[in-house]
C-alpha atoms as a PDB file:
ATOM      1  CA  MET A   1      -8.819 -14.766  38.452  1.00  0.00           C
ATOM      2  CA  LEU A   2     -12.238 -14.805  36.792  1.00  0.00           C
ATOM      3  CA  TYR A   3     -12.879 -13.863  33.178  1.00  0.00           C
ATOM      4  CA  PHE A   4     -16.311 -13.028  31.792  1.00  0.00           C
ATOM      5  CA  ILE A   5     -16.204 -14.102  28.161  1.00  0.00           C
ATOM      6  CA  PRO A   6     -18.788 -13.263  25.495  1.00  0.00           C
ATOM      7  CA  THR A   7     -19.519 -16.160  23.171  1.00  0.00           C
ATOM      8  CA  PRO A   8     -20.600 -15.975  19.514  1.00  0.00           C
ATOM      9  CA  ILE A   9     -24.258 -15.107  18.936  1.00  0.00           C
ATOM     10  CA  GLY A  10     -24.183 -17.150  15.759  1.00  0.00           C
ATOM     11  CA  ASN A  11     -20.995 -17.162  13.716  1.00  0.00           C
ATOM     12  CA  LEU A  12     -18.202 -19.111  15.413  1.00  0.00           C
ATOM     13  CA  GLU A  13     -15.579 -16.920  13.741  1.00  0.00           C
ATOM     14  CA  ASP A  14     -16.621 -14.030  15.998  1.00  0.00           C
ATOM     15  CA  ILE A  15     -14.778 -15.587  18.943  1.00  0.00           C
ATOM     16  CA  SER A  16     -11.601 -13.648  19.691  1.00  0.00           C
ATOM     17  CA  HIS A  17      -8.110 -15.140  20.001  1.00  0.00           C
ATOM     18  CA  ARG A  18      -7.989 -13.988  23.592  1.00  0.00           C
ATOM     19  CA  SER A  19     -11.310 -15.663  24.392  1.00  0.00           C
ATOM     20  CA  LEU A  20     -10.125 -18.903  22.814  1.00  0.00           C
ATOM     21  CA  ARG A  21      -6.951 -18.852  24.878  1.00  0.00           C
ATOM     22  CA  LEU A  22      -8.810 -18.207  28.120  1.00  0.00           C
ATOM     23  CA  LEU A  23     -11.435 -20.857  27.409  1.00  0.00           C
ATOM     24  CA  THR A  24      -8.781 -23.472  26.811  1.00  0.00           C
ATOM     25  CA  CYS A  25      -6.629 -22.521  29.811  1.00  0.00           C
ATOM     26  CA  ALA A  26      -9.380 -22.177  32.414  1.00  0.00           C
ATOM     27  CA  THR A  27      -9.835 -25.067  34.817  1.00  0.00           C
ATOM     28  CA  THR A  28     -13.296 -24.010  36.026  1.00  0.00           C
ATOM     29  CA  LEU A  29     -16.098 -22.876  33.728  1.00  0.00           C
ATOM     30  CA  PHE A  30     -19.208 -21.268  35.153  1.00  0.00           C
ATOM     31  CA  CYS A  31     -21.950 -21.665  32.555  1.00  0.00           C
ATOM     32  CA  GLU A  32     -25.509 -20.536  32.121  1.00  0.00           C
ATOM     33  CA  ASP A  33     -26.147 -23.980  30.617  1.00  0.00           C
ATOM     34  CA  THR A  34     -23.363 -26.557  30.826  1.00  0.00           C
ATOM     35  CA  ARG A  35     -24.749 -28.536  27.880  1.00  0.00           C
ATOM     36  CA  ILE A  36     -24.618 -25.530  25.559  1.00  0.00           C
ATOM     37  CA  THR A  37     -21.122 -24.583  26.728  1.00  0.00           C
ATOM     38  CA  LYS A  38     -19.776 -28.121  26.240  1.00  0.00           C
ATOM     39  CA  ARG A  39     -21.276 -28.129  22.757  1.00  0.00           C
ATOM     40  CA  LEU A  40     -19.615 -24.771  22.012  1.00  0.00           C
ATOM     41  CA  LEU A  41     -16.219 -26.016  23.207  1.00  0.00           C
ATOM     42  CA  MET A  42     -16.539 -29.084  21.021  1.00  0.00           C
ATOM     43  CA  LEU A  43     -17.326 -26.940  17.955  1.00  0.00           C
ATOM     44  CA  LEU A  44     -14.423 -24.623  18.715  1.00  0.00           C
ATOM     45  CA  LYS A  45     -12.099 -27.581  19.108  1.00  0.00           C
ATOM     46  CA  GLU A  46     -13.230 -28.957  15.731  1.00  0.00           C
ATOM     47  CA  ARG A  47     -12.872 -25.575  14.044  1.00  0.00           C
ATOM     48  CA  TYR A  48      -9.547 -24.471  15.538  1.00  0.00           C
ATOM     49  CA  GLY A  49      -7.951 -27.730  16.679  1.00  0.00           C
ATOM     50  CA  LEU A  50      -7.472 -26.428  20.220  1.00  0.00           C
ATOM     51  CA  GLU A  51      -6.637 -28.679  23.123  1.00  0.00           C
ATOM     52  CA  SER A  52      -8.446 -27.784  26.292  1.00  0.00           C
ATOM     53  CA  ALA A  53      -7.290 -28.266  29.869  1.00  0.00           C
ATOM     54  CA  PRO A  54      -9.417 -30.578  32.062  1.00  0.00           C
ATOM     55  CA  LYS A  55     -12.324 -28.551  33.378  1.00  0.00           C
ATOM     56  CA  THR A  56     -14.890 -28.434  36.108  1.00  0.00           C
ATOM     57  CA  PHE A  57     -18.256 -27.166  34.865  1.00  0.00           C
ATOM     58  CA  ILE A  58     -20.514 -25.305  37.284  1.00  0.00           C
ATOM     59  CA  SER A  59     -24.060 -24.374  36.298  1.00  0.00           C
ATOM     60  CA  LEU A  60     -24.791 -20.775  37.258  1.00  0.00           C
ATOM     61  CA  HIS A  61     -27.932 -19.089  35.978  1.00  0.00           C
ATOM     62  CA  SER A  62     -30.665 -16.730  37.127  1.00  0.00           C
ATOM     63  CA  HIS A  63     -32.597 -19.457  38.946  1.00  0.00           C
ATOM     64  CA  ASN A  64     -29.747 -20.868  41.048  1.00  0.00           C
ATOM     65  CA  GLU A  65     -27.118 -18.132  41.314  1.00  0.00           C
ATOM     66  CA  THR A  66     -27.962 -17.126  44.897  1.00  0.00           C
ATOM     67  CA  ALA A  67     -27.651 -20.694  46.158  1.00  0.00           C
ATOM     68  CA  VAL A  68     -24.509 -21.466  44.132  1.00  0.00           C
ATOM     69  CA  LEU A  69     -22.663 -18.308  45.178  1.00  0.00           C
ATOM     70  CA  LYS A  70     -23.174 -19.186  48.849  1.00  0.00           C
ATOM     71  CA  THR A  71     -21.252 -22.435  48.328  1.00  0.00           C
ATOM     72  CA  LEU A  72     -18.225 -21.025  46.490  1.00  0.00           C
ATOM     73  CA  ASP A  73     -14.804 -21.063  48.111  1.00  0.00           C
ATOM     74  CA  VAL A  74     -12.784 -17.929  47.286  1.00  0.00           C
ATOM     75  CA  ALA A  75      -9.705 -20.149  46.906  1.00  0.00           C
ATOM     76  CA  LEU A  76     -11.261 -21.525  43.717  1.00  0.00           C
ATOM     77  CA  PHE A  77     -10.431 -18.268  41.956  1.00  0.00           C
ATOM     78  CA  GLU A  78      -6.705 -18.613  42.603  1.00  0.00           C
ATOM     79  CA  HIS A  79      -6.783 -20.612  39.373  1.00  0.00           C
ATOM     80  CA  PRO A  80      -8.065 -19.377  35.992  1.00  0.00           C
ATOM     81  CA  CYS A  81     -11.852 -19.383  35.934  1.00  0.00           C
ATOM     82  CA  VAL A  82     -14.296 -18.333  33.227  1.00  0.00           C
ATOM     83  CA  TYR A  83     -17.957 -17.420  33.098  1.00  0.00           C
ATOM     84  CA  VAL A  84     -19.953 -17.692  29.859  1.00  0.00           C
ATOM     85  CA  SER A  85     -23.636 -17.265  29.187  1.00  0.00           C
ATOM     86  CA  ASP A  86     -25.293 -19.154  26.356  1.00  0.00           C
ATOM     87  CA  ALA A  87     -24.573 -16.519  23.675  1.00  0.00           C
ATOM     88  CA  GLY A  88     -23.407 -12.926  23.705  1.00  0.00           C
ATOM     89  CA  MET A  89     -22.189 -10.757  26.559  1.00  0.00           C
ATOM     90  CA  PRO A  90     -22.696 -11.969  30.151  1.00  0.00           C
ATOM     91  CA  GLY A  91     -24.807  -9.568  32.184  1.00  0.00           C
ATOM     92  CA  ILE A  92     -26.568  -8.033  29.169  1.00  0.00           C
ATOM     93  CA  SER A  93     -29.989  -9.713  29.183  1.00  0.00           C
ATOM     94  CA  ASP A  94     -28.045 -12.741  30.420  1.00  0.00           C
ATOM     95  CA  PRO A  95     -26.881 -13.900  33.858  1.00  0.00           C
ATOM     96  CA  GLY A  96     -23.543 -12.680  35.149  1.00  0.00           C
ATOM     97  CA  ALA A  97     -24.183  -9.537  37.174  1.00  0.00           C
ATOM     98  CA  ALA A  98     -24.567 -11.446  40.457  1.00  0.00           C
ATOM     99  CA  LEU A  99     -21.184 -13.116  39.922  1.00  0.00           C
ATOM    100  CA  VAL A 100     -19.608  -9.708  39.243  1.00  0.00           C
ATOM    101  CA  ARG A 101     -21.004  -8.402  42.547  1.00  0.00           C
ATOM    102  CA  PHE A 102     -19.711 -11.538  44.297  1.00  0.00           C
ATOM    103  CA  CYS A 103     -16.210 -10.796  43.002  1.00  0.00           C
ATOM    104  CA  GLN A 104     -16.456  -7.175  44.113  1.00  0.00           C
ATOM    105  CA  GLU A 105     -17.610  -8.139  47.609  1.00  0.00           C
ATOM    106  CA  LYS A 106     -14.985 -10.871  48.045  1.00  0.00           C
ATOM    107  CA  GLY A 107     -12.094  -8.955  46.513  1.00  0.00           C
ATOM    108  CA  ILE A 108     -11.712 -11.445  43.650  1.00  0.00           C
ATOM    109  CA  ALA A 109      -9.887 -10.141  40.593  1.00  0.00           C
ATOM    110  CA  TYR A 110     -11.998 -10.290  37.430  1.00  0.00           C
ATOM    111  CA  GLU A 111     -12.019  -8.987  33.870  1.00  0.00           C
ATOM    112  CA  VAL A 112     -14.707  -8.666  31.230  1.00  0.00           C
ATOM    113  CA  VAL A 113     -13.486  -9.573  27.752  1.00  0.00           C
ATOM    114  CA  PRO A 114     -15.054  -7.553  24.892  1.00  0.00           C
ATOM    115  CA  GLY A 115     -16.930  -9.375  22.189  1.00  0.00           C
ATOM    116  CA  ALA A 116     -20.201 -10.277  20.519  1.00  0.00           C
ATOM    117  CA  ASN A 117     -23.330  -8.386  21.532  1.00  0.00           C
ATOM    118  CA  ALA A 118     -26.593  -8.341  19.585  1.00  0.00           C
ATOM    119  CA  ALA A 119     -27.760  -4.990  20.952  1.00  0.00           C
ATOM    120  CA  LEU A 120     -24.712  -3.042  19.776  1.00  0.00           C
ATOM    121  CA  LEU A 121     -24.672  -4.911  16.472  1.00  0.00           C
ATOM    122  CA  ALA A 122     -28.309  -3.948  15.857  1.00  0.00           C
ATOM    123  CA  TYR A 123     -27.734  -0.295  16.711  1.00  0.00           C
ATOM    124  CA  ALA A 124     -24.692  -0.027  14.461  1.00  0.00           C
ATOM    125  CA  ALA A 125     -26.653  -1.666  11.634  1.00  0.00           C
ATOM    126  CA  SER A 126     -29.708   0.568  12.102  1.00  0.00           C
ATOM    127  CA  GLY A 127     -28.121   3.638  10.567  1.00  0.00           C
ATOM    128  CA  PHE A 128     -29.667   5.849  13.242  1.00  0.00           C
ATOM    129  CA  GLU A 129     -27.307   8.746  13.792  1.00  0.00           C
ATOM    130  CA  GLU A 130     -28.083   9.555  17.421  1.00  0.00           C
ATOM    131  CA  THR A 131     -25.202   8.563  19.696  1.00  0.00           C
ATOM    132  CA  ALA A 132     -27.376   8.097  22.778  1.00  0.00           C
ATOM    133  CA  PHE A 133     -29.739   5.148  23.196  1.00  0.00           C
ATOM    134  CA  SER A 134     -31.347   2.967  25.849  1.00  0.00           C
ATOM    135  CA  PHE A 135     -31.409  -0.820  26.111  1.00  0.00           C
ATOM    136  CA  PHE A 136     -34.643  -2.412  27.357  1.00  0.00           C
ATOM    137  CA  GLY A 137     -33.748  -6.098  26.887  1.00  0.00           C
ATOM    138  CA  PHE A 138     -36.808  -8.373  26.715  1.00  0.00           C
ATOM    139  CA  LEU A 139     -40.261  -7.000  27.445  1.00  0.00           C
ATOM    140  CA  PRO A 140     -42.462  -8.827  29.960  1.00  0.00           C
ATOM    141  CA  HIS A 141     -44.244 -11.681  28.224  1.00  0.00           C
ATOM    142  CA  LYS A 142     -47.848 -10.575  28.612  1.00  0.00           C
ATOM    143  CA  GLY A 143     -50.507  -8.642  30.451  1.00  0.00           C
ATOM    144  CA  ARG A 144     -50.565  -5.186  31.941  1.00  0.00           C
ATOM    145  CA  GLU A 145     -46.858  -5.345  32.796  1.00  0.00           C
ATOM    146  CA  ARG A 146     -45.984  -5.782  29.119  1.00  0.00           C
ATOM    147  CA  GLU A 147     -48.275  -2.955  28.041  1.00  0.00           C
ATOM    148  CA  LEU A 148     -46.771  -0.564  30.582  1.00  0.00           C
ATOM    149  CA  ALA A 149     -43.225  -1.475  29.520  1.00  0.00           C
ATOM    150  CA  LEU A 150     -44.121  -0.911  25.870  1.00  0.00           C
ATOM    151  CA  ASP A 151     -45.677   2.465  26.645  1.00  0.00           C
ATOM    152  CA  ALA A 152     -42.542   3.418  28.590  1.00  0.00           C
ATOM    153  CA  LEU A 153     -40.166   2.626  25.743  1.00  0.00           C
ATOM    154  CA  LEU A 154     -42.357   4.370  23.167  1.00  0.00           C
ATOM    155  CA  SER A 155     -42.358   7.538  25.262  1.00  0.00           C
ATOM    156  CA  HIS A 156     -38.634   7.311  26.006  1.00  0.00           C
ATOM    157  CA  PRO A 157     -36.634  10.348  24.835  1.00  0.00           C
ATOM    158  CA  LEU A 158     -33.872   8.169  23.326  1.00  0.00           C
ATOM    159  CA  ASN A 159     -33.769   5.483  20.669  1.00  0.00           C
ATOM    160  CA  VAL A 160     -34.542   2.129  22.247  1.00  0.00           C
ATOM    161  CA  ILE A 161     -33.020  -1.320  21.672  1.00  0.00           C
ATOM    162  CA  LEU A 162     -34.936  -4.403  22.707  1.00  0.00           C
ATOM    163  CA  TYR A 163     -34.877  -8.146  22.161  1.00  0.00           C
ATOM    164  CA  GLU A 164     -37.781 -10.375  21.192  1.00  0.00           C
ATOM    165  CA  SER A 165     -38.236 -14.099  20.752  1.00  0.00           C
ATOM    166  CA  PRO A 166     -39.586 -15.758  17.597  1.00  0.00           C
ATOM    167  CA  HIS A 167     -42.685 -16.735  19.585  1.00  0.00           C
ATOM    168  CA  ARG A 168     -43.678 -13.126  20.325  1.00  0.00           C
ATOM    169  CA  ILE A 169     -42.325 -11.087  17.393  1.00  0.00           C
ATOM    170  CA  GLU A 170     -45.709 -11.033  15.641  1.00  0.00           C
ATOM    171  CA  LEU A 171     -47.387  -9.928  18.874  1.00  0.00           C
ATOM    172  CA  LEU A 172     -44.833  -7.159  19.292  1.00  0.00           C
ATOM    173  CA  MET A 173     -45.389  -5.911  15.746  1.00  0.00           C
ATOM    174  CA  ASP A 174     -49.159  -5.918  16.285  1.00  0.00           C
ATOM    175  CA  GLU A 175     -48.682  -3.899  19.469  1.00  0.00           C
ATOM    176  CA  LEU A 176     -46.337  -1.412  17.793  1.00  0.00           C
ATOM    177  CA  ALA A 177     -48.658  -1.055  14.802  1.00  0.00           C
ATOM    178  CA  LYS A 178     -51.474  -0.144  17.156  1.00  0.00           C
ATOM    179  CA  LYS A 179     -49.515   2.297  19.316  1.00  0.00           C
ATOM    180  CA  ALA A 180     -46.916   3.817  16.950  1.00  0.00           C
ATOM    181  CA  PRO A 181     -47.586   2.825  13.324  1.00  0.00           C
ATOM    182  CA  ASP A 182     -45.449   5.596  11.821  1.00  0.00           C
ATOM    183  CA  ARG A 183     -42.454   5.182  14.122  1.00  0.00           C
ATOM    184  CA  LEU A 184     -39.163   4.371  12.392  1.00  0.00           C
ATOM    185  CA  LEU A 185     -37.950   0.865  13.189  1.00  0.00           C
ATOM    186  CA  PHE A 186     -34.949  -1.347  12.453  1.00  0.00           C
ATOM    187  CA  ALA A 187     -35.172  -5.096  13.087  1.00  0.00           C
ATOM    188  CA  ILE A 188     -32.648  -7.886  12.632  1.00  0.00           C
ATOM    189  CA  LYS A 189     -33.177 -11.618  13.102  1.00  0.00           C
ATOM    190  CA  GLU A 190     -30.584 -14.361  13.435  1.00  0.00           C
ATOM    191  CA  ALA A 191     -27.749 -11.827  13.598  1.00  0.00           C
ATOM    192  CA  THR A 192     -24.417 -13.206  12.246  1.00  0.00           C
ATOM    193  CA  LYS A 193     -26.083 -16.505  11.278  1.00  0.00           C
ATOM    194  CA  LYS A 194     -26.758 -18.016   7.859  1.00  0.00           C
ATOM    195  CA  HIS A 195     -30.344 -16.745   7.689  1.00  0.00           C
ATOM    196  CA  GLU A 196     -29.714 -13.255   9.044  1.00  0.00           C
ATOM    197  CA  LYS A 197     -32.270 -10.773   7.712  1.00  0.00           C
ATOM    198  CA  THR A 198     -32.863  -7.086   8.354  1.00  0.00           C
ATOM    199  CA  PHE A 199     -35.900  -4.842   8.029  1.00  0.00           C
ATOM    200  CA  VAL A 200     -36.056  -1.049   8.172  1.00  0.00           C
ATOM    201  CA  GLY A 201     -38.823   1.513   7.733  1.00  0.00           C
ATOM    202  CA  THR A 202     -41.947   2.549   9.535  1.00  0.00           C
ATOM    203  CA  VAL A 203     -43.562   0.033  11.858  1.00  0.00           C
ATOM    204  CA  LEU A 204     -46.351  -0.575   9.331  1.00  0.00           C
ATOM    205  CA  HIS A 205     -43.851  -1.090   6.498  1.00  0.00           C
ATOM    206  CA  VAL A 206     -41.734  -3.537   8.525  1.00  0.00           C
ATOM    207  CA  LYS A 207     -44.853  -5.380   9.683  1.00  0.00           C
ATOM    208  CA  ALA A 208     -45.967  -5.810   6.074  1.00  0.00           C
ATOM    209  CA  CYS A 209     -42.516  -7.082   5.044  1.00  0.00           C
ATOM    210  CA  MET A 210     -42.524  -9.599   7.882  1.00  0.00           C
ATOM    211  CA  GLN A 211     -45.711 -11.179   6.567  1.00  0.00           C
ATOM    212  CA  GLU A 212     -43.649 -12.491   3.659  1.00  0.00           C
ATOM    213  CA  ALA A 213     -40.670 -13.567   5.800  1.00  0.00           C
ATOM    214  CA  ASN A 214     -39.591 -16.508   7.910  1.00  0.00           C
ATOM    215  CA  LEU A 215     -39.792 -15.183  11.465  1.00  0.00           C
ATOM    216  CA  LYS A 216     -37.884 -18.017  13.161  1.00  0.00           C
ATOM    217  CA  GLY A 217     -34.892 -16.918  15.193  1.00  0.00           C
ATOM    218  CA  GLU A 218     -33.974 -14.396  17.856  1.00  0.00           C
ATOM    219  CA  TRP A 219     -34.694 -10.737  17.155  1.00  0.00           C
ATOM    220  CA  ALA A 220     -33.085  -7.419  18.060  1.00  0.00           C
ATOM    221  CA  LEU A 221     -35.016  -4.239  17.302  1.00  0.00           C
ATOM    222  CA  VAL A 222     -34.158  -0.556  17.412  1.00  0.00           C
ATOM    223  CA  ILE A 223     -37.130   1.799  17.775  1.00  0.00           C
ATOM    224  CA  HIS A 224     -36.448   5.400  16.887  1.00  0.00           C
ATOM    225  CA  THR A 225     -37.534   7.997  19.382  1.00  0.00           C
ATOM    226  CA  ALA A 226     -40.719   9.917  18.618  1.00  0.00           C
ATOM    227  CA  PRO A 227     -40.214  13.155  16.663  1.00  0.00           C
ATOM    228  CA  ALA A 228     -39.710  16.100  18.981  1.00  0.00           C
ATOM    229  CA  GLN A 229     -42.747  18.242  19.410  1.00  0.00           C
ATOM    230  CA  VAL A 230     -42.179  21.783  18.203  1.00  0.00           C
ATOM    231  CA  ALA A 231     -42.545  24.112  21.138  1.00  0.00           C
ATOM    232  CA  THR A 232     -45.038  26.893  20.548  1.00  0.00           C
ATOM    233  CA  SER A 233     -45.295  30.072  22.562  1.00  0.00           C
ATOM    234  CA  PRO A 234     -48.776  31.013  23.753  1.00  0.00           C
ATOM    235  CA  LEU A 235     -50.408  34.009  22.100  1.00  0.00           C
ATOM    236  CA  ILE A 236     -50.440  37.223  24.074  1.00  0.00           C
ATOM    237  CA  VAL A 237     -52.569  40.355  23.682  1.00  0.00           C
ATOM    238  CA  GLU A 238     -49.809  42.175  21.804  1.00  0.00           C
ATOM    239  CA  ASP A 239     -49.768  39.397  19.188  1.00  0.00           C
ATOM    240  CA  ILE A 240     -53.448  39.949  18.422  1.00  0.00           C
ATOM    241  CA  LEU A 241     -53.092  43.722  18.418  1.00  0.00           C
ATOM    242  CA  SER A 242     -50.345  43.479  15.820  1.00  0.00           C
ATOM    243  CA  LEU A 243     -52.482  41.499  13.370  1.00  0.00           C
ATOM    244  CA  SER A 244     -53.956  43.163  10.304  1.00  0.00           C
ATOM    245  CA  LEU A 245     -57.575  42.353  11.154  1.00  0.00           C
ATOM    246  CA  PRO A 246     -60.759  44.413  11.316  1.00  0.00           C
ATOM    247  CA  PRO A 247     -61.428  45.798  14.817  1.00  0.00           C
ATOM    248  CA  LYS A 248     -64.466  43.549  15.337  1.00  0.00           C
ATOM    249  CA  GLU A 249     -62.441  40.389  14.585  1.00  0.00           C
ATOM    250  CA  LYS A 250     -59.651  41.509  16.881  1.00  0.00           C
ATOM    251  CA  ALA A 251     -62.181  42.270  19.592  1.00  0.00           C
ATOM    252  CA  LYS A 252     -63.651  38.778  19.355  1.00  0.00           C
ATOM    253  CA  LEU A 253     -60.215  37.131  19.653  1.00  0.00           C
ATOM    254  CA  LEU A 254     -59.166  39.365  22.520  1.00  0.00           C
ATOM    255  CA  ALA A 255     -62.404  38.674  24.365  1.00  0.00           C
ATOM    256  CA  LYS A 256     -61.796  34.935  24.190  1.00  0.00           C
ATOM    257  CA  MET A 257     -58.241  35.368  25.444  1.00  0.00           C
ATOM    258  CA  THR A 258     -58.887  37.763  28.302  1.00  0.00           C
ATOM    259  CA  GLY A 259     -62.456  37.288  29.486  1.00  0.00           C
ATOM    260  CA  LYS A 260     -63.367  40.908  28.781  1.00  0.00           C
ATOM    261  CA  SER A 261     -66.404  41.462  26.604  1.00  0.00           C
ATOM    262  CA  VAL A 262     -66.242  42.005  22.847  1.00  0.00           C
ATOM    263  CA  LYS A 263     -67.899  45.411  23.383  1.00  0.00           C
ATOM    264  CA  GLU A 264     -65.181  46.509  25.822  1.00  0.00           C
ATOM    265  CA  TRP A 265     -62.393  45.467  23.498  1.00  0.00           C
ATOM    266  CA  TYR A 266     -64.060  47.061  20.498  1.00  0.00           C
ATOM    267  CA  ALA A 267     -64.342  50.326  22.367  1.00  0.00           C
ATOM    268  CA  THR A 268     -60.670  50.123  23.341  1.00  0.00           C
ATOM    269  CA  LEU A 269     -59.609  49.466  19.769  1.00  0.00           C
ATOM    270  CA  GLN A 270     -61.637  52.429  18.532  1.00  0.00           C
ATOM    271  CA  ALA A 271     -60.187  54.836  21.071  1.00  0.00           C
END
């Protein structure tokens, strides 16, 4: 059996009792980074006094997952196994999806345990009332690919959640200020951690607030969809005819609409 377990994105107390039990009972831990996972287990042991079963740690991340999965013996999963990414929910802007597909293809039983996720936390904290949204994860780092991705999310019909690193948050705000300065935005940094901070308002307002803030830490942002354009029906001849205008003014408008001359329309209106 394989369990996909979300780990705290900051506050250790966000780990669930079920996750703690599974982490301590599992004999094999697949980890995005074994060093980070071992550090997490040590902190959890100190906090909760849990004794952990002897474990085998297997590094499994986006750069090696294809090679590692080819070497796995299905018999391994007859014992409790766990997969954790570095923080948050596996498979959501983190490795894990390839291991899920491996289980599906090999008929290996697996479960995903609910838990910490920065995207859902940010959306719930945004106060945006729309129930539908899209998750874009991290934008490409630079170049034309990044610009196209940004244009796509700004034209998206739903509210959009994305992540950004402390190294590129200022760049992102500059880009948003240029392309959508009046768009409503919610941003949160260091979610659940000691220095958590939130910003809400137009892009320009949030950008100004950030100039006074410490920008270190991981960011989650929710960009509100653009206001719907009010549909307008095209004018038709009957609309112009119904207006209370002098015949000459009506004739000029009708001529522009239809291609007939002003003289022809004036004569018609006088008939």
